[in-house]
C-alpha atoms as a PDB file:
ATOM      1  CA  MET A   1       0.000   0.000   0.000  1.00  0.00           C
ATOM      2  CA  THR A   2       1.048   3.416  -0.715  1.00  0.00           C
ATOM      3  CA  GLN A   3       1.458   5.859   1.970  1.00  0.00           C
ATOM      4  CA  LYS A   4      -0.138   9.221   1.475  1.00  0.00           C
ATOM      5  CA  SER A   5       1.024  12.217   3.246  1.00  0.00           C
ATOM      6  CA  ASN A   6      -0.105  15.731   3.178  1.00  0.00           C
ATOM      7  CA  LEU A   7       3.312  17.142   3.615  1.00  0.00           C
ATOM      8  CA  ALA A   8       4.449  19.867   1.287  1.00  0.00           C
ATOM      9  CA  TYR A   9       7.177  19.384  -1.178  1.00  0.00           C
ATOM     10  CA  ASP A  10      10.666  19.361   0.161  1.00  0.00           C
ATOM     11  CA  LEU A  11      12.112  22.409  -1.614  1.00  0.00           C
ATOM     12  CA  GLN A  12      15.544  21.758  -0.269  1.00  0.00           C
ATOM     13  CA  ARG A  13      15.957  19.088  -2.845  1.00  0.00           C
ATOM     14  CA  PHE A  14      16.009  21.726  -5.603  1.00  0.00           C
ATOM     15  CA  GLU A  15      18.431  24.151  -3.978  1.00  0.00           C
ATOM     16  CA  GLU A  16      22.009  24.275  -5.101  1.00  0.00           C
ATOM     17  CA  ARG A  17      24.198  22.906  -2.488  1.00  0.00           C
ATOM     18  CA  ALA A  18      27.775  23.389  -1.855  1.00  0.00           C
ATOM     19  CA  PRO A  19      29.582  20.253  -2.758  1.00  0.00           C
ATOM     20  CA  GLU A  20      30.133  18.081   0.151  1.00  0.00           C
ATOM     21  CA  THR A  21      33.725  17.789   0.917  1.00  0.00           C
ATOM     22  CA  ASN A  22      34.870  14.420   1.721  1.00  0.00           C
ATOM     23  CA  VAL A  23      37.907  14.310   3.860  1.00  0.00           C
ATOM     24  CA  ARG A  24      39.538  11.696   1.679  1.00  0.00           C
ATOM     25  CA  ALA A  25      38.792  13.498  -1.588  1.00  0.00           C
ATOM     26  CA  SER A  26      40.269  16.794  -0.422  1.00  0.00           C
ATOM     27  CA  ILE A  27      43.442  15.172   0.794  1.00  0.00           C
ATOM     28  CA  THR A  28      44.340  13.521  -2.513  1.00  0.00           C
ATOM     29  CA  VAL A  29      47.597  14.879  -3.825  1.00  0.00           C
ATOM     30  CA  ARG A  30      48.211  14.925  -7.498  1.00  0.00           C
ATOM     31  CA  ARG A  31      51.601  13.590  -8.279  1.00  0.00           C
ATOM     32  CA  GLU A  32      53.195  15.087 -11.295  1.00  0.00           C
ATOM     33  CA  ARG A  33      55.131  12.722 -13.424  1.00  0.00           C
ATOM     34  CA  THR A  34      58.788  13.469 -13.227  1.00  0.00           C
ATOM     35  CA  VAL A  35      61.312  12.210 -15.711  1.00  0.00           C
ATOM     36  CA  HIS A  36      64.485  10.821 -14.327  1.00  0.00           C
ATOM     37  CA  PRO A  37      67.507  13.023 -15.146  1.00  0.00           C
ATOM     38  CA  VAL A  38      69.439  10.032 -16.459  1.00  0.00           C
ATOM     39  CA  LYS A  39      66.772   9.515 -19.116  1.00  0.00           C
ATOM     40  CA  ILE A  40      66.964  13.160 -20.151  1.00  0.00           C
ATOM     41  CA  ILE A  41      70.744  12.969 -20.442  1.00  0.00           C
ATOM     42  CA  ALA A  42      70.538   9.701 -22.406  1.00  0.00           C
ATOM     43  CA  VAL A  43      68.062  11.183 -24.887  1.00  0.00           C
ATOM     44  CA  ALA A  44      70.185  14.336 -25.248  1.00  0.00           C
ATOM     45  CA  VAL A  45      73.350  12.287 -25.881  1.00  0.00           C
ATOM     46  CA  LEU A  46      71.507  10.138 -28.405  1.00  0.00           C
ATOM     47  CA  ALA A  47      70.198  13.221 -30.209  1.00  0.00           C
ATOM     48  CA  LEU A  48      73.693  14.755 -30.274  1.00  0.00           C
ATOM     49  CA  MET A  49      75.175  11.528 -31.627  1.00  0.00           C
ATOM     50  CA  MET A  50      72.558  11.386 -34.367  1.00  0.00           C
ATOM     51  CA  GLY A  51      73.222  15.034 -35.241  1.00  0.00           C
ATOM     52  CA  PHE A  52      76.978  14.520 -35.408  1.00  0.00           C
ATOM     53  CA  THR A  53      76.531  11.363 -37.459  1.00  0.00           C
ATOM     54  CA  LEU A  54      74.340  13.218 -39.937  1.00  0.00           C
ATOM     55  CA  LEU A  55      76.838  16.081 -40.094  1.00  0.00           C
ATOM     56  CA  TYR A  56      79.767  13.673 -40.590  1.00  0.00           C
ATOM     57  CA  SER A  57      77.974  11.844 -43.402  1.00  0.00           C
ATOM     58  CA  ARG A  58      77.348  15.170 -45.153  1.00  0.00           C
ATOM     59  CA  VAL A  59      81.025  16.073 -44.825  1.00  0.00           C
ATOM     60  CA  VAL A  60      82.089  12.724 -46.288  1.00  0.00           C
ATOM     61  CA  ILE A  61      79.629  13.101 -49.190  1.00  0.00           C
ATOM     62  CA  THR A  62      80.924  16.610 -49.894  1.00  0.00           C
ATOM     63  CA  GLU A  63      84.534  15.393 -49.908  1.00  0.00           C
ATOM     64  CA  LEU A  64      83.689  12.515 -52.241  1.00  0.00           C
ATOM     65  CA  ASN A  65      81.834  14.853 -54.587  1.00  0.00           C
ATOM     66  CA  SER A  66      84.841  17.168 -54.733  1.00  0.00           C
ATOM     67  CA  GLN A  67      87.124  14.206 -55.483  1.00  0.00           C
ATOM     68  CA  ILE A  68      84.759  13.091 -58.243  1.00  0.00           C
ATOM     69  CA  ALA A  69      84.786  16.577 -59.739  1.00  0.00           C
ATOM     70  CA  GLU A  70      88.608  16.664 -59.655  1.00  0.00           C
ATOM     71  CA  LYS A  71      88.881  13.258 -61.331  1.00  0.00           C
ATOM     72  CA  GLN A  72      86.340  14.235 -63.986  1.00  0.00           C
ATOM     73  CA  ALA A  73      88.338  17.379 -64.761  1.00  0.00           C
ATOM     74  CA  GLU A  74      91.507  15.265 -64.955  1.00  0.00           C
ATOM     75  CA  LEU A  75      89.713  12.814 -67.269  1.00  0.00           C
ATOM     76  CA  GLU A  76      88.626  15.636 -69.571  1.00  0.00           C
ATOM     77  CA  THR A  77      92.217  16.916 -69.692  1.00  0.00           C
ATOM     78  CA  LEU A  78      93.519  13.448 -70.525  1.00  0.00           C
ATOM     79  CA  LYS A  79      90.887  12.997 -73.236  1.00  0.00           C
ATOM     80  CA  ALA A  80      91.933  16.280 -74.818  1.00  0.00           C
ATOM     81  CA  GLU A  81      95.596  15.210 -74.631  1.00  0.00           C
ATOM     82  CA  ASN A  82      94.680  11.883 -76.245  1.00  0.00           C
ATOM     83  CA  VAL A  83      92.912  13.636 -79.124  1.00  0.00           C
ATOM     84  CA  ARG A  84      95.939  15.907 -79.613  1.00  0.00           C
ATOM     85  CA  MET A  85      98.338  12.967 -79.638  1.00  0.00           C
ATOM     86  CA  GLN A  86      96.132  10.957 -82.030  1.00  0.00           C
ATOM     87  CA  THR A  87      96.076  13.905 -84.419  1.00  0.00           C
ATOM     88  CA  GLU A  88      99.849  14.265 -84.162  1.00  0.00           C
ATOM     89  CA  LEU A  89     100.296  10.520 -84.781  1.00  0.00           C
ATOM     90  CA  GLU A  90      98.033  10.617 -87.824  1.00  0.00           C
ATOM     91  CA  GLY A  91     100.044  13.558 -89.144  1.00  0.00           C
ATOM     92  CA  ARG A  92     103.308  11.676 -88.709  1.00  0.00           C
ATOM     93  CA  MET A  93     101.952   8.499 -90.257  1.00  0.00           C
ATOM     94  CA  SER A  94     100.624  10.124 -93.411  1.00  0.00           C
ATOM     95  CA  LEU A  95     102.175   8.934 -96.691  1.00  0.00           C
ATOM     96  CA  THR A  96     103.668  12.320 -97.528  1.00  0.00           C
ATOM     97  CA  GLU A  97     105.374  12.504 -94.130  1.00  0.00           C
ATOM     98  CA  ILE A  98     106.772   8.977 -94.546  1.00  0.00           C
ATOM     99  CA  GLU A  99     107.991   9.823 -98.045  1.00  0.00           C
ATOM    100  CA  ASN A 100     109.653  13.036 -96.829  1.00  0.00           C
ATOM    101  CA  THR A 101     111.379  11.137 -94.006  1.00  0.00           C
ATOM    102  CA  ALA A 102     112.573   8.395 -96.386  1.00  0.00           C
ATOM    103  CA  VAL A 103     113.961  10.913 -98.878  1.00  0.00           C
ATOM    104  CA  GLY A 104     115.376  13.372 -96.311  1.00  0.00           C
ATOM    105  CA  GLU A 105     116.831  11.140 -93.630  1.00  0.00           C
ATOM    106  CA  TYR A 106     117.601   7.900 -95.457  1.00  0.00           C
ATOM    107  CA  GLY A 107     118.480   9.262 -98.921  1.00  0.00           C
ATOM    108  CA  MET A 108     115.955   7.087-100.712  1.00  0.00           C
ATOM    109  CA  VAL A 109     114.692   8.038-104.158  1.00  0.00           C
ATOM    110  CA  LYS A 110     111.739   6.933-106.236  1.00  0.00           C
ATOM    111  CA  PRO A 111     112.584   4.169-108.713  1.00  0.00           C
ATOM    112  CA  ASP A 112     112.629   5.159-112.391  1.00  0.00           C
ATOM    113  CA  ASN A 113     111.475   2.976-115.273  1.00  0.00           C
ATOM    114  CA  SER A 114     114.939   1.554-115.896  1.00  0.00           C
ATOM    115  CA  GLN A 115     115.014   0.048-112.420  1.00  0.00           C
ATOM    116  CA  VAL A 116     111.681  -1.717-112.769  1.00  0.00           C
ATOM    117  CA  SER A 117     111.711  -5.317-113.964  1.00  0.00           C
ATOM    118  CA  TYR A 118     108.699  -7.516-114.525  1.00  0.00           C
ATOM    119  CA  VAL A 119     108.638 -11.230-113.826  1.00  0.00           C
ATOM    120  CA  GLN A 120     106.341 -13.550-115.751  1.00  0.00           C
ATOM    121  CA  LEU A 121     105.192 -16.779-114.231  1.00  0.00           C
ATOM    122  CA  GLU A 122     104.584 -19.824-116.430  1.00  0.00           C
ATOM    123  CA  GLN A 123     101.558 -21.084-114.582  1.00  0.00           C
ATOM    124  CA  GLU A 124      99.010 -19.487-112.298  1.00  0.00           C
ATOM    125  CA  ASN A 125      99.405 -19.697-108.592  1.00  0.00           C
ATOM    126  CA  LYS A 126      96.917 -22.008-106.988  1.00  0.00           C
ATOM    127  CA  LEU A 127      96.215 -22.631-103.403  1.00  0.00           C
ATOM    128  CA  GLU A 128      95.117 -26.124-102.586  1.00  0.00           C
ATOM    129  CA  ALA A 129      93.798 -27.016 -99.188  1.00  0.00           C
ATOM    130  CA  ALA A 130      94.508 -30.405 -97.693  1.00  0.00           C
ATOM    131  CA  GLU A 131      91.516 -32.665 -97.314  1.00  0.00           C
ATOM    132  CA  LYS A 132      90.019 -32.417 -93.895  1.00  0.00           C
ATOM    133  CA  GLU A 133      90.289 -35.555 -91.797  1.00  0.00           C
ATOM    134  CA  GLU A 134      87.387 -36.606 -89.638  1.00  0.00           C
ATOM    135  CA  ASN A 135      87.941 -37.034 -85.954  1.00  0.00           C
ATOM    136  CA  ILE A 136      86.551 -39.977 -84.006  1.00  0.00           C
ATOM    137  CA  PHE A 137      83.325 -38.189 -83.021  1.00  0.00           C
ATOM    138  CA  GLU A 138      82.538 -37.227 -86.619  1.00  0.00           C
ATOM    139  CA  LYS A 139      83.162 -40.825 -87.732  1.00  0.00           C
ATOM    140  CA  ILE A 140      80.702 -42.098 -85.105  1.00  0.00           C
ATOM    141  CA  VAL A 141      78.057 -39.561 -86.122  1.00  0.00           C
ATOM    142  CA  ASN A 142      78.475 -40.412 -89.811  1.00  0.00           C
ATOM    143  CA  TYR A 143      78.280 -44.164 -89.039  1.00  0.00           C
ATOM    144  CA  VAL A 144      75.010 -43.673 -87.130  1.00  0.00           C
ATOM    145  CA  LYS A 145      73.604 -41.546 -89.975  1.00  0.00           C
ATOM    146  CA  ASP A 146      74.504 -44.282 -92.501  1.00  0.00           C
ATOM    147  CA  LEU A 147      72.605 -46.853 -90.416  1.00  0.00           C
ATOM    148  CA  PHE A 148      69.355 -44.879 -90.701  1.00  0.00           C
ATOM    149  CA  ARG A 149      69.562 -44.271 -94.462  1.00  0.00           C
END
């Protein structure tokens, strides 16, 4: 059964109340997280090592690039020297240069018609090749081929 009362509404239920302070709740201390100094130093040393490693690698790459540039310049110089020497060699090996050297240094002269003699051969020159001999493997292959004919 329900109980009926003629009491008025309890208006205190609708009033704003100051929060009740619980002794335990007000005493809680928030602990801030602290990072151990050794960890900070370790991370700093690691970051410095990575920075120096990156810097060192850049220095090495720069040095290698400068060496490559020097060697390429040296290669271009040597190629130009090679072209110059090839041209000089071709100039020295030309027929007119050889003829001038033969006449000037060795005292050679061109033959005249009285110095030329012709030789007539009685028969034509022929070149005859010896008959090719078969080796053992060719003989076996030919024998097998003859069996199937």
